[in-house]
Amino acid sequence: MAEAGSLGGTTLLTVETLTEAMAGEFEKQFTKHVEEQPRETMAAMEERVGEAIATVNTAMPKTSADVQEQRQMLKGVEEALSQHSRQFTSIGEELRMVAEANKGLRTKVEDLDNRSRQQNLCIGSLPEGMAGPRPTKDFTKMLAELVAEGEEPS
């Protein structure tokens, strides 16, 4: 007896398993009717059985083709799913690398920002307008004078 294939938890029907199941059910029903029906209806039943078998035999090739088509479709879906899974894994790895690079760049920017502030001098508590029209030049001159006053003559 051929077994049905299994794909991702779904049992696929094969032509053989379908035929065996139909033949078994047919035999049960036929035996039941033979025992219950008088002998004169046997010819009519044999004719009906022959017609049923012919119908099944006619439908079987199409059923077989449908099963094959479904298998091909499932195979295509499995391949696409596998490809998408690989892409997601790759994108996740790239995202992790970008996050690490971003963290490194943020650290560098913060370091550069802090280093530029190390050279700055902060002067507070000066009244407004004291700096004059050119604050940078006037502060430079004022600081030079303060430094010169604080030095002792040698």
C-alpha atoms as a PDB file:
ATOM      1  CA  MET A   1       0.000   0.000   0.000  1.00  0.00           C
ATOM      2  CA  ALA A   2       1.432   3.408  -0.963  1.00  0.00           C
ATOM      3  CA  GLU A   3       1.581   5.975   1.797  1.00  0.00           C
ATOM      4  CA  ALA A   4       0.453   9.553   1.456  1.00  0.00           C
ATOM      5  CA  GLY A   5       3.312  12.045   1.360  1.00  0.00           C
ATOM      6  CA  SER A   6       3.640  14.679   4.038  1.00  0.00           C
ATOM      7  CA  LEU A   7       4.697  18.258   3.470  1.00  0.00           C
ATOM      8  CA  GLY A   8       4.904  20.732   6.335  1.00  0.00           C
ATOM      9  CA  GLY A   9       2.308  18.903   8.460  1.00  0.00           C
ATOM     10  CA  THR A  10      -0.181  18.596   5.573  1.00  0.00           C
ATOM     11  CA  THR A  11      -0.904  15.099   4.233  1.00  0.00           C
ATOM     12  CA  LEU A  12      -0.952  14.970   0.443  1.00  0.00           C
ATOM     13  CA  LEU A  13      -3.345  12.531  -1.174  1.00  0.00           C
ATOM     14  CA  THR A  14      -1.889  10.329  -3.828  1.00  0.00           C
ATOM     15  CA  VAL A  15      -3.798   8.658  -6.587  1.00  0.00           C
ATOM     16  CA  GLU A  16      -3.027   5.266  -5.044  1.00  0.00           C
ATOM     17  CA  THR A  17      -4.325   6.115  -1.555  1.00  0.00           C
ATOM     18  CA  LEU A  18      -7.429   7.731  -2.985  1.00  0.00           C
ATOM     19  CA  THR A  19      -8.084   4.698  -5.205  1.00  0.00           C
ATOM     20  CA  GLU A  20      -7.578   2.269  -2.301  1.00  0.00           C
ATOM     21  CA  ALA A  21      -9.932   4.234  -0.055  1.00  0.00           C
ATOM     22  CA  MET A  22     -12.607   4.401  -2.754  1.00  0.00           C
ATOM     23  CA  ALA A  23     -12.241   0.697  -3.581  1.00  0.00           C
ATOM     24  CA  GLY A  24     -12.571  -0.276   0.089  1.00  0.00           C
ATOM     25  CA  GLU A  25     -15.677   1.828   0.583  1.00  0.00           C
ATOM     26  CA  PHE A  26     -17.145   0.549  -2.669  1.00  0.00           C
ATOM     27  CA  GLU A  27     -16.583  -3.059  -1.598  1.00  0.00           C
ATOM     28  CA  LYS A  28     -18.311  -2.471   1.753  1.00  0.00           C
ATOM     29  CA  GLN A  29     -21.313  -0.819   0.140  1.00  0.00           C
ATOM     30  CA  PHE A  30     -21.510  -3.422  -2.608  1.00  0.00           C
ATOM     31  CA  THR A  31     -21.437  -6.312  -0.129  1.00  0.00           C
ATOM     32  CA  LYS A  32     -24.141  -4.651   1.960  1.00  0.00           C
ATOM     33  CA  HIS A  33     -26.394  -4.198  -1.060  1.00  0.00           C
ATOM     34  CA  VAL A  34     -25.787  -7.713  -2.369  1.00  0.00           C
ATOM     35  CA  GLU A  35     -26.860  -9.210   0.941  1.00  0.00           C
ATOM     36  CA  GLU A  36     -29.961  -7.004   1.127  1.00  0.00           C
ATOM     37  CA  GLN A  37     -31.122  -7.031  -2.500  1.00  0.00           C
ATOM     38  CA  PRO A  38     -32.855  -9.914  -4.239  1.00  0.00           C
ATOM     39  CA  ARG A  39     -31.028 -11.753  -6.994  1.00  0.00           C
ATOM     40  CA  GLU A  40     -32.986 -10.167  -9.851  1.00  0.00           C
ATOM     41  CA  THR A  41     -31.566  -6.686  -9.113  1.00  0.00           C
ATOM     42  CA  MET A  42     -27.984  -7.933  -9.315  1.00  0.00           C
ATOM     43  CA  ALA A  43     -27.761  -7.204 -13.039  1.00  0.00           C
ATOM     44  CA  ALA A  44     -28.957  -3.625 -12.508  1.00  0.00           C
ATOM     45  CA  MET A  45     -26.480  -3.167  -9.700  1.00  0.00           C
ATOM     46  CA  GLU A  46     -23.622  -4.564 -11.756  1.00  0.00           C
ATOM     47  CA  GLU A  47     -24.491  -2.061 -14.469  1.00  0.00           C
ATOM     48  CA  ARG A  48     -24.539   0.818 -11.970  1.00  0.00           C
ATOM     49  CA  VAL A  49     -21.238  -0.367 -10.507  1.00  0.00           C
ATOM     50  CA  GLY A  50     -19.727  -0.509 -13.984  1.00  0.00           C
ATOM     51  CA  GLU A  51     -20.901   3.064 -14.628  1.00  0.00           C
ATOM     52  CA  ALA A  52     -19.475   4.221 -11.280  1.00  0.00           C
ATOM     53  CA  ILE A  53     -16.138   2.584 -12.022  1.00  0.00           C
ATOM     54  CA  ALA A  54     -16.074   4.206 -15.457  1.00  0.00           C
ATOM     55  CA  THR A  55     -16.777   7.608 -13.847  1.00  0.00           C
ATOM     56  CA  VAL A  56     -13.972   7.081 -11.320  1.00  0.00           C
ATOM     57  CA  ASN A  57     -11.578   5.948 -14.048  1.00  0.00           C
ATOM     58  CA  THR A  58     -12.468   9.025 -16.102  1.00  0.00           C
ATOM     59  CA  ALA A  59     -11.907  11.392 -13.165  1.00  0.00           C
ATOM     60  CA  MET A  60      -8.676   9.750 -11.972  1.00  0.00           C
ATOM     61  CA  PRO A  61      -6.274  11.287 -14.557  1.00  0.00           C
ATOM     62  CA  LYS A  62      -7.554  14.795 -13.806  1.00  0.00           C
ATOM     63  CA  THR A  63      -7.257  14.151 -10.070  1.00  0.00           C
ATOM     64  CA  SER A  64      -3.720  12.900 -10.582  1.00  0.00           C
ATOM     65  CA  ALA A  65      -2.860  15.998 -12.624  1.00  0.00           C
ATOM     66  CA  ASP A  66      -4.390  18.240  -9.928  1.00  0.00           C
ATOM     67  CA  VAL A  67      -2.314  16.528  -7.230  1.00  0.00           C
ATOM     68  CA  GLN A  68       0.867  17.003  -9.280  1.00  0.00           C
ATOM     69  CA  GLU A  69       0.009  20.667  -9.871  1.00  0.00           C
ATOM     70  CA  GLN A  70      -0.534  21.212  -6.136  1.00  0.00           C
ATOM     71  CA  ARG A  71       2.796  19.563  -5.361  1.00  0.00           C
ATOM     72  CA  GLN A  72       4.550  21.904  -7.789  1.00  0.00           C
ATOM     73  CA  MET A  73       2.811  24.929  -6.278  1.00  0.00           C
ATOM     74  CA  LEU A  74       3.789  23.832  -2.758  1.00  0.00           C
ATOM     75  CA  LYS A  75       7.372  23.327  -3.860  1.00  0.00           C
ATOM     76  CA  GLY A  76       7.433  26.868  -5.284  1.00  0.00           C
ATOM     77  CA  VAL A  77       5.965  28.276  -2.070  1.00  0.00           C
ATOM     78  CA  GLU A  78       8.547  26.395   0.023  1.00  0.00           C
ATOM     79  CA  GLU A  79      11.401  27.733  -2.125  1.00  0.00           C
ATOM     80  CA  ALA A  80      10.093  31.308  -1.905  1.00  0.00           C
ATOM     81  CA  LEU A  81       9.657  30.994   1.857  1.00  0.00           C
ATOM     82  CA  SER A  82      13.190  29.676   2.231  1.00  0.00           C
ATOM     83  CA  GLN A  83      14.555  32.553   0.141  1.00  0.00           C
ATOM     84  CA  HIS A  84      12.640  35.127   2.208  1.00  0.00           C
ATOM     85  CA  SER A  85      13.925  33.542   5.405  1.00  0.00           C
ATOM     86  CA  ARG A  86      17.519  33.870   4.158  1.00  0.00           C
ATOM     87  CA  GLN A  87      16.871  37.499   3.182  1.00  0.00           C
ATOM     88  CA  PHE A  88      15.434  38.321   6.629  1.00  0.00           C
ATOM     89  CA  THR A  89      18.461  36.746   8.282  1.00  0.00           C
ATOM     90  CA  SER A  90      20.784  38.758   6.048  1.00  0.00           C
ATOM     91  CA  ILE A  91      18.884  41.999   6.669  1.00  0.00           C
ATOM     92  CA  GLY A  92      18.978  41.367  10.419  1.00  0.00           C
ATOM     93  CA  GLU A  93      22.769  40.920  10.301  1.00  0.00           C
ATOM     94  CA  GLU A  94      23.166  44.096   8.224  1.00  0.00           C
ATOM     95  CA  LEU A  95      20.965  46.007  10.670  1.00  0.00           C
ATOM     96  CA  ARG A  96      23.102  44.807  13.584  1.00  0.00           C
ATOM     97  CA  MET A  97      26.267  45.969  11.793  1.00  0.00           C
ATOM     98  CA  VAL A  98      24.720  49.364  10.973  1.00  0.00           C
ATOM     99  CA  ALA A  99      23.649  49.780  14.612  1.00  0.00           C
ATOM    100  CA  GLU A 100      27.205  49.039  15.768  1.00  0.00           C
ATOM    101  CA  ALA A 101      28.653  51.503  13.245  1.00  0.00           C
ATOM    102  CA  ASN A 102      26.078  54.114  14.302  1.00  0.00           C
ATOM    103  CA  LYS A 103      27.045  53.659  17.944  1.00  0.00           C
ATOM    104  CA  GLY A 104      30.730  54.114  17.062  1.00  0.00           C
ATOM    105  CA  LEU A 105      29.998  57.237  15.035  1.00  0.00           C
ATOM    106  CA  ARG A 106      27.910  58.725  17.846  1.00  0.00           C
ATOM    107  CA  THR A 107      30.774  58.145  20.258  1.00  0.00           C
ATOM    108  CA  LYS A 108      33.218  59.860  17.872  1.00  0.00           C
ATOM    109  CA  VAL A 109      30.909  62.848  17.335  1.00  0.00           C
ATOM    110  CA  GLU A 110      30.412  63.237  21.083  1.00  0.00           C
ATOM    111  CA  ASP A 111      34.186  63.036  21.624  1.00  0.00           C
ATOM    112  CA  LEU A 112      34.866  65.655  18.923  1.00  0.00           C
ATOM    113  CA  ASP A 113      32.170  67.925  20.359  1.00  0.00           C
ATOM    114  CA  ASN A 114      33.668  67.630  23.850  1.00  0.00           C
ATOM    115  CA  ARG A 115      37.213  68.233  22.558  1.00  0.00           C
ATOM    116  CA  SER A 116      36.157  71.432  20.794  1.00  0.00           C
ATOM    117  CA  ARG A 117      34.678  72.664  24.062  1.00  0.00           C
ATOM    118  CA  GLN A 118      37.934  72.027  25.949  1.00  0.00           C
ATOM    119  CA  GLN A 119      39.560  74.993  24.199  1.00  0.00           C
ATOM    120  CA  ASN A 120      36.715  77.376  25.019  1.00  0.00           C
ATOM    121  CA  LEU A 121      36.864  79.824  27.873  1.00  0.00           C
ATOM    122  CA  CYS A 122      33.618  80.664  29.602  1.00  0.00           C
ATOM    123  CA  ILE A 123      33.375  84.146  31.134  1.00  0.00           C
ATOM    124  CA  GLY A 124      30.336  84.904  33.205  1.00  0.00           C
ATOM    125  CA  SER A 125      28.906  87.696  35.364  1.00  0.00           C
ATOM    126  CA  LEU A 126      29.826  90.507  32.997  1.00  0.00           C
ATOM    127  CA  PRO A 127      27.280  93.293  32.597  1.00  0.00           C
ATOM    128  CA  GLU A 128      25.735  93.693  29.138  1.00  0.00           C
ATOM    129  CA  GLY A 129      27.330  96.282  26.904  1.00  0.00           C
ATOM    130  CA  MET A 130      30.670  96.072  28.711  1.00  0.00           C
ATOM    131  CA  ALA A 131      32.241  94.201  25.811  1.00  0.00           C
ATOM    132  CA  GLY A 132      31.781  97.069  23.391  1.00  0.00           C
ATOM    133  CA  PRO A 133      31.007  96.855  19.686  1.00  0.00           C
ATOM    134  CA  ARG A 134      33.706  94.210  19.001  1.00  0.00           C
ATOM    135  CA  PRO A 135      33.476  91.691  21.877  1.00  0.00           C
ATOM    136  CA  THR A 136      36.142  89.274  20.647  1.00  0.00           C
ATOM    137  CA  LYS A 137      38.813  91.932  20.101  1.00  0.00           C
ATOM    138  CA  ASP A 138      37.930  93.832  23.290  1.00  0.00           C
ATOM    139  CA  PHE A 139      37.953  90.638  25.428  1.00  0.00           C
ATOM    140  CA  THR A 140      41.316  89.625  23.989  1.00  0.00           C
ATOM    141  CA  LYS A 141      42.771  93.029  24.886  1.00  0.00           C
ATOM    142  CA  MET A 142      41.184  92.969  28.363  1.00  0.00           C
ATOM    143  CA  LEU A 143      42.483  89.436  29.076  1.00  0.00           C
ATOM    144  CA  ALA A 144      45.995  90.393  27.957  1.00  0.00           C
ATOM    145  CA  GLU A 145      45.928  93.355  30.360  1.00  0.00           C
ATOM    146  CA  LEU A 146      44.657  91.159  33.243  1.00  0.00           C
ATOM    147  CA  VAL A 147      47.338  88.572  32.630  1.00  0.00           C
ATOM    148  CA  ALA A 148      50.022  91.265  32.431  1.00  0.00           C
ATOM    149  CA  GLU A 149      48.853  92.784  35.744  1.00  0.00           C
ATOM    150  CA  GLY A 150      48.984  89.391  37.451  1.00  0.00           C
ATOM    151  CA  GLU A 151      52.586  88.736  36.418  1.00  0.00           C
ATOM    152  CA  GLU A 152      55.341  89.756  38.699  1.00  0.00           C
ATOM    153  CA  PRO A 153      58.266  91.619  37.169  1.00  0.00           C
ATOM    154  CA  SER A 154      61.336  89.498  36.864  1.00  0.00           C
END
